[in-house]
Amino acid sequence: MHRFYLPSLAFKGEYLRIEDNRIVHQVGKVLRMWNDDFFHVFDGKKEFLVQIENINRRKMLDKKVEDVKNKAEPKVKVSLYQAIPKKPALFELVVQKATEIGVSEIFPLVTKRTEKRRMSKFERLQLIAMEATEQCGRMNIPEIRHPVNYDEVVGKLSNGFIAYVYEGSKHLADYEKDMKDAREIQIIIGPEGGLSESELALAKDSNVKPFSLGKRILRTETAAISAMSLIMLNR
């Protein structure tokens, strides 16, 4: 069932008038939906099944059919601290996939070896997160935060984990006791060039737990998606 996010679901009785150009175009032109067709709308708190009463090029009038109980939101808040890749498309990929998997917020992370230190097209990242939320069935759109410096945040994490292979590093599954009843989990993924020795030492001093993703060296975007998938499994 197709789903669309509206920040304000202002029903008048049983009816909802939609004049959002993106949604009207998607429903009418891309999906070729017409009168009597069904789709879902949600606002981050509630979700409804609606039926198209009338649609034209600029607006739709929909009738509420039933409330929908959303079960796709995870109970744990997972924050991803992703080092900014050189190519913007890679960060966009991480935003899309992390949203689908269930992440609550994403922080672009600036480290000593991060080559790109500013995020462009911030509105595009928010749009990607919103569309991924619509697609995957979630209720809440992840927050895309502004860039943060590694040295300033690593010591403030309440339940932090960092992807790095120390000698004898544990896998994420080995930390199940630390994650099972946790309300919050923070994951750090380093840059293409890796973290510096001083940054690794700071993580260790801050009790951020290191974990391995296996025997192979993963690209930064692959590491993020892999780690998020393992953490959110069955959550």
Protein backbone atom coordinates (compact mmCIF):
# COMPACT_ATOMS: atom_id res chain seq x y z
CA MET A 1 0.00 0.00 0.00
CA HIS A 2 1.40 3.42 -0.96
CA ARG A 3 2.04 5.80 1.95
CA PHE A 4 2.55 9.57 2.09
CA TYR A 5 3.73 11.88 4.84
CA LEU A 6 1.74 15.00 5.67
CA PRO A 7 2.97 17.11 8.60
CA SER A 8 -0.60 18.09 9.44
CA LEU A 9 -3.57 15.80 8.86
CA ALA A 10 -6.43 18.29 9.05
CA PHE A 11 -9.56 16.23 8.50
CA LYS A 12 -12.89 18.00 8.21
CA GLY A 13 -15.22 15.36 9.41
CA GLU A 14 -14.35 12.29 7.35
CA TYR A 15 -12.65 14.24 4.58
CA LEU A 16 -9.06 15.30 3.95
CA ARG A 17 -8.08 17.82 1.31
CA ILE A 18 -4.53 17.38 0.01
CA GLU A 19 -2.89 20.20 -1.96
CA ASP A 20 0.73 19.14 -1.53
CA ASN A 21 2.19 19.28 -5.05
CA ARG A 22 4.58 16.37 -4.43
CA ILE A 23 1.83 14.02 -3.27
CA VAL A 24 -0.74 15.06 -5.86
CA HIS A 25 1.80 14.58 -8.65
CA GLN A 26 2.98 11.23 -7.28
CA VAL A 27 -0.54 9.88 -6.85
CA GLY A 28 -2.03 11.19 -10.06
CA LYS A 29 0.82 11.28 -12.57
CA VAL A 30 3.39 8.73 -11.38
CA LEU A 31 1.19 6.06 -9.81
CA ARG A 32 -1.80 6.73 -12.07
CA MET A 33 -4.22 6.40 -9.17
CA TRP A 34 -7.77 7.62 -9.63
CA ASN A 35 -11.09 8.00 -7.85
CA ASP A 36 -11.89 5.15 -5.43
CA ASP A 37 -8.23 4.08 -5.12
CA PHE A 38 -6.71 3.71 -1.63
CA PHE A 39 -3.49 4.85 0.04
CA HIS A 40 -2.14 5.66 3.52
CA VAL A 41 -1.34 9.06 5.02
CA PHE A 42 0.58 9.66 8.24
CA ASP A 43 1.90 12.63 10.22
CA GLY A 44 4.40 11.02 12.62
CA LYS A 45 1.73 10.31 15.25
CA LYS A 46 -1.23 8.79 13.45
CA GLU A 47 -1.80 6.90 10.23
CA PHE A 48 -4.96 6.45 8.19
CA LEU A 49 -6.22 4.55 5.17
CA VAL A 50 -8.00 6.96 2.83
CA GLN A 51 -9.91 6.59 -0.43
CA ILE A 52 -9.74 9.10 -3.25
CA GLU A 53 -13.05 10.88 -3.74
CA ASN A 54 -11.85 13.34 -6.35
CA ILE A 55 -8.47 14.18 -7.87
CA ASN A 56 -7.25 16.73 -10.39
CA ARG A 57 -3.88 18.22 -11.32
CA ARG A 58 -3.64 20.40 -8.20
CA LYS A 59 -5.49 18.74 -5.33
CA MET A 60 -7.26 15.69 -3.99
CA LEU A 61 -10.24 15.13 -1.75
CA ASP A 62 -9.96 11.90 0.23
CA LYS A 63 -12.32 10.09 2.57
CA LYS A 64 -11.03 8.44 5.73
CA VAL A 65 -11.67 4.71 5.70
CA GLU A 66 -9.98 3.52 8.92
CA ASP A 67 -7.24 4.17 11.45
CA VAL A 68 -4.05 2.20 10.88
CA LYS A 69 -1.99 0.81 13.75
CA ASN A 70 1.67 1.26 12.91
CA LYS A 71 4.03 -1.43 14.25
CA ALA A 72 7.18 -0.56 12.29
CA GLU A 73 8.86 1.85 14.72
CA PRO A 74 11.67 0.36 16.84
CA LYS A 75 11.48 0.74 20.60
CA VAL A 76 15.14 1.70 20.93
CA LYS A 77 16.55 5.05 19.81
CA VAL A 78 19.59 4.43 17.60
CA SER A 79 21.78 7.39 16.63
CA LEU A 80 24.22 7.01 13.78
CA TYR A 81 27.38 9.13 13.76
CA GLN A 82 28.54 8.74 10.18
CA ALA A 83 31.84 10.26 9.04
CA ILE A 84 31.14 12.39 5.98
CA PRO A 85 32.24 10.61 2.78
CA LYS A 86 33.96 12.47 -0.05
CA LYS A 87 31.08 11.77 -2.42
CA PRO A 88 27.71 13.27 -1.38
CA ALA A 89 25.87 10.36 -3.03
CA LEU A 90 27.37 7.96 -0.48
CA PHE A 91 25.99 9.92 2.46
CA GLU A 92 22.61 10.04 0.70
CA LEU A 93 22.75 6.25 0.40
CA VAL A 94 23.47 5.91 4.12
CA VAL A 95 20.55 8.23 4.99
CA GLN A 96 18.17 6.23 2.82
CA LYS A 97 19.18 2.79 4.07
CA ALA A 98 19.57 3.78 7.73
CA THR A 99 16.04 5.22 7.59
CA GLU A 100 14.67 1.99 6.16
CA ILE A 101 16.44 -0.05 8.82
CA GLY A 102 15.08 2.05 11.70
CA VAL A 103 17.61 4.69 12.80
CA SER A 104 16.21 7.62 14.80
CA GLU A 105 18.78 10.29 13.97
CA ILE A 106 21.86 10.73 11.81
CA PHE A 107 24.82 12.96 12.63
CA PRO A 108 27.31 13.83 9.86
CA LEU A 109 30.62 13.33 11.67
CA VAL A 110 33.79 15.36 11.14
CA THR A 111 37.02 13.53 12.04
CA LYS A 112 40.69 14.36 11.52
CA ARG A 113 40.77 12.43 8.25
CA THR A 114 37.40 13.62 6.97
CA GLU A 115 38.09 15.40 3.69
CA LYS A 116 34.63 16.92 3.27
CA ARG A 117 33.63 18.92 6.34
CA ARG A 118 30.40 20.57 5.26
CA MET A 119 27.12 19.10 4.12
CA SER A 120 25.51 20.50 1.00
CA LYS A 121 21.93 19.92 -0.13
CA PHE A 122 20.65 19.51 3.43
CA GLU A 123 17.04 19.76 2.23
CA ARG A 124 17.71 16.91 -0.19
CA LEU A 125 18.86 14.69 2.69
CA GLN A 126 15.65 15.46 4.56
CA LEU A 127 13.61 14.60 1.47
CA ILE A 128 15.46 11.30 1.08
CA ALA A 129 14.71 10.42 4.72
CA MET A 130 11.05 11.33 4.30
CA GLU A 131 10.60 9.27 1.14
CA ALA A 132 12.41 6.31 2.69
CA THR A 133 10.07 6.56 5.71
CA GLU A 134 7.06 6.49 3.41
CA GLN A 135 8.41 3.47 1.56
CA CYS A 136 9.47 1.31 4.50
CA GLY A 137 6.34 1.68 6.63
CA ARG A 138 7.80 3.67 9.51
CA MET A 139 5.91 6.39 11.35
CA ASN A 140 8.76 8.74 12.31
CA ILE A 141 11.16 10.44 9.94
CA PRO A 142 14.75 10.35 11.28
CA GLU A 143 16.32 13.66 12.24
CA ILE A 144 19.18 14.68 9.96
CA ARG A 145 21.45 16.72 12.22
CA HIS A 146 24.05 19.30 11.34
CA PRO A 147 27.71 18.17 11.27
CA VAL A 148 29.43 17.54 14.62
CA ASN A 149 33.10 17.17 15.54
CA TYR A 150 34.27 13.75 16.69
CA ASP A 151 36.33 15.09 19.62
CA GLU A 152 33.35 17.05 20.95
CA VAL A 153 30.78 14.24 20.96
CA VAL A 154 32.59 10.96 21.63
CA GLY A 155 32.89 11.64 25.35
CA LYS A 156 29.19 12.46 25.67
CA LEU A 157 27.73 9.20 24.36
CA SER A 158 25.63 7.28 26.87
CA ASN A 159 25.87 3.87 25.18
CA GLY A 160 28.39 4.26 22.38
CA PHE A 161 29.88 1.68 20.00
CA ILE A 162 32.56 2.26 17.38
CA ALA A 163 33.34 0.21 14.29
CA TYR A 164 37.03 -0.57 14.47
CA VAL A 165 39.10 -3.75 14.55
CA TYR A 166 41.28 -3.91 17.63
CA GLU A 167 43.14 -7.07 18.44
CA GLY A 168 40.49 -9.36 19.86
CA SER A 169 37.62 -7.01 18.96
CA LYS A 170 34.15 -8.30 19.69
CA HIS A 171 31.36 -8.59 17.16
CA LEU A 172 28.14 -6.65 17.71
CA ALA A 173 26.39 -9.86 18.75
CA ASP A 174 28.81 -10.11 21.68
CA TYR A 175 27.35 -6.88 23.08
CA GLU A 176 23.78 -8.15 23.17
CA LYS A 177 23.56 -7.66 26.94
CA ASP A 178 24.54 -4.01 26.53
CA MET A 179 21.87 -3.53 23.86
CA LYS A 180 19.01 -5.79 24.90
CA ASP A 181 17.24 -3.42 27.30
CA ALA A 182 18.91 -0.19 26.17
CA ARG A 183 16.74 2.79 25.40
CA GLU A 184 19.49 4.49 23.41
CA ILE A 185 22.40 3.22 21.29
CA GLN A 186 24.97 5.34 19.47
CA ILE A 187 27.07 3.98 16.62
CA ILE A 188 30.21 5.65 15.25
CA ILE A 189 31.38 4.89 11.71
CA GLY A 190 34.74 6.36 10.72
CA PRO A 191 35.90 7.95 7.43
CA GLU A 192 37.45 6.41 4.32
CA GLY A 193 40.95 7.03 5.68
CA GLY A 194 40.18 5.51 9.07
CA LEU A 195 40.33 7.04 12.53
CA SER A 196 43.57 8.42 13.93
CA GLU A 197 45.38 6.90 16.88
CA SER A 198 44.39 9.83 19.10
CA GLU A 199 40.73 9.44 18.12
CA LEU A 200 40.82 5.73 18.91
CA ALA A 201 42.46 6.47 22.26
CA LEU A 202 39.75 9.02 23.03
CA ALA A 203 37.04 6.45 22.26
CA LYS A 204 38.72 3.95 24.58
CA ASP A 205 39.05 6.53 27.37
CA SER A 206 35.37 7.41 26.92
CA ASN A 207 34.27 3.78 27.31
CA VAL A 208 32.98 3.63 23.74
CA LYS A 209 32.94 -0.06 22.88
CA PRO A 210 34.79 -1.22 19.72
CA PHE A 211 33.28 -3.83 17.45
CA SER A 212 34.28 -5.70 14.31
CA LEU A 213 32.13 -6.31 11.25
CA GLY A 214 34.10 -9.31 10.11
CA LYS A 215 37.33 -10.27 8.39
CA ARG A 216 36.93 -8.00 5.38
CA ILE A 217 37.57 -4.27 5.17
CA LEU A 218 34.31 -2.48 4.42
CA ARG A 219 33.74 0.89 2.83
CA THR A 220 32.38 3.49 5.23
CA GLU A 221 28.86 3.39 3.76
CA THR A 222 28.85 -0.43 3.77
CA ALA A 223 29.98 -0.49 7.40
CA ALA A 224 27.15 1.84 8.40
CA ILE A 225 24.46 -0.20 6.65
CA SER A 226 25.87 -3.49 7.97
CA ALA A 227 26.08 -2.26 11.56
CA MET A 228 22.57 -0.78 11.50
CA SER A 229 21.14 -4.00 10.06
CA LEU A 230 22.70 -6.12 12.80
CA ILE A 231 21.55 -3.80 15.58
CA MET A 232 17.97 -3.36 14.39
CA LEU A 233 17.33 -7.03 13.65
CA ASN A 234 14.20 -8.02 15.66
CA ARG A 235 13.96 -4.53 17.23
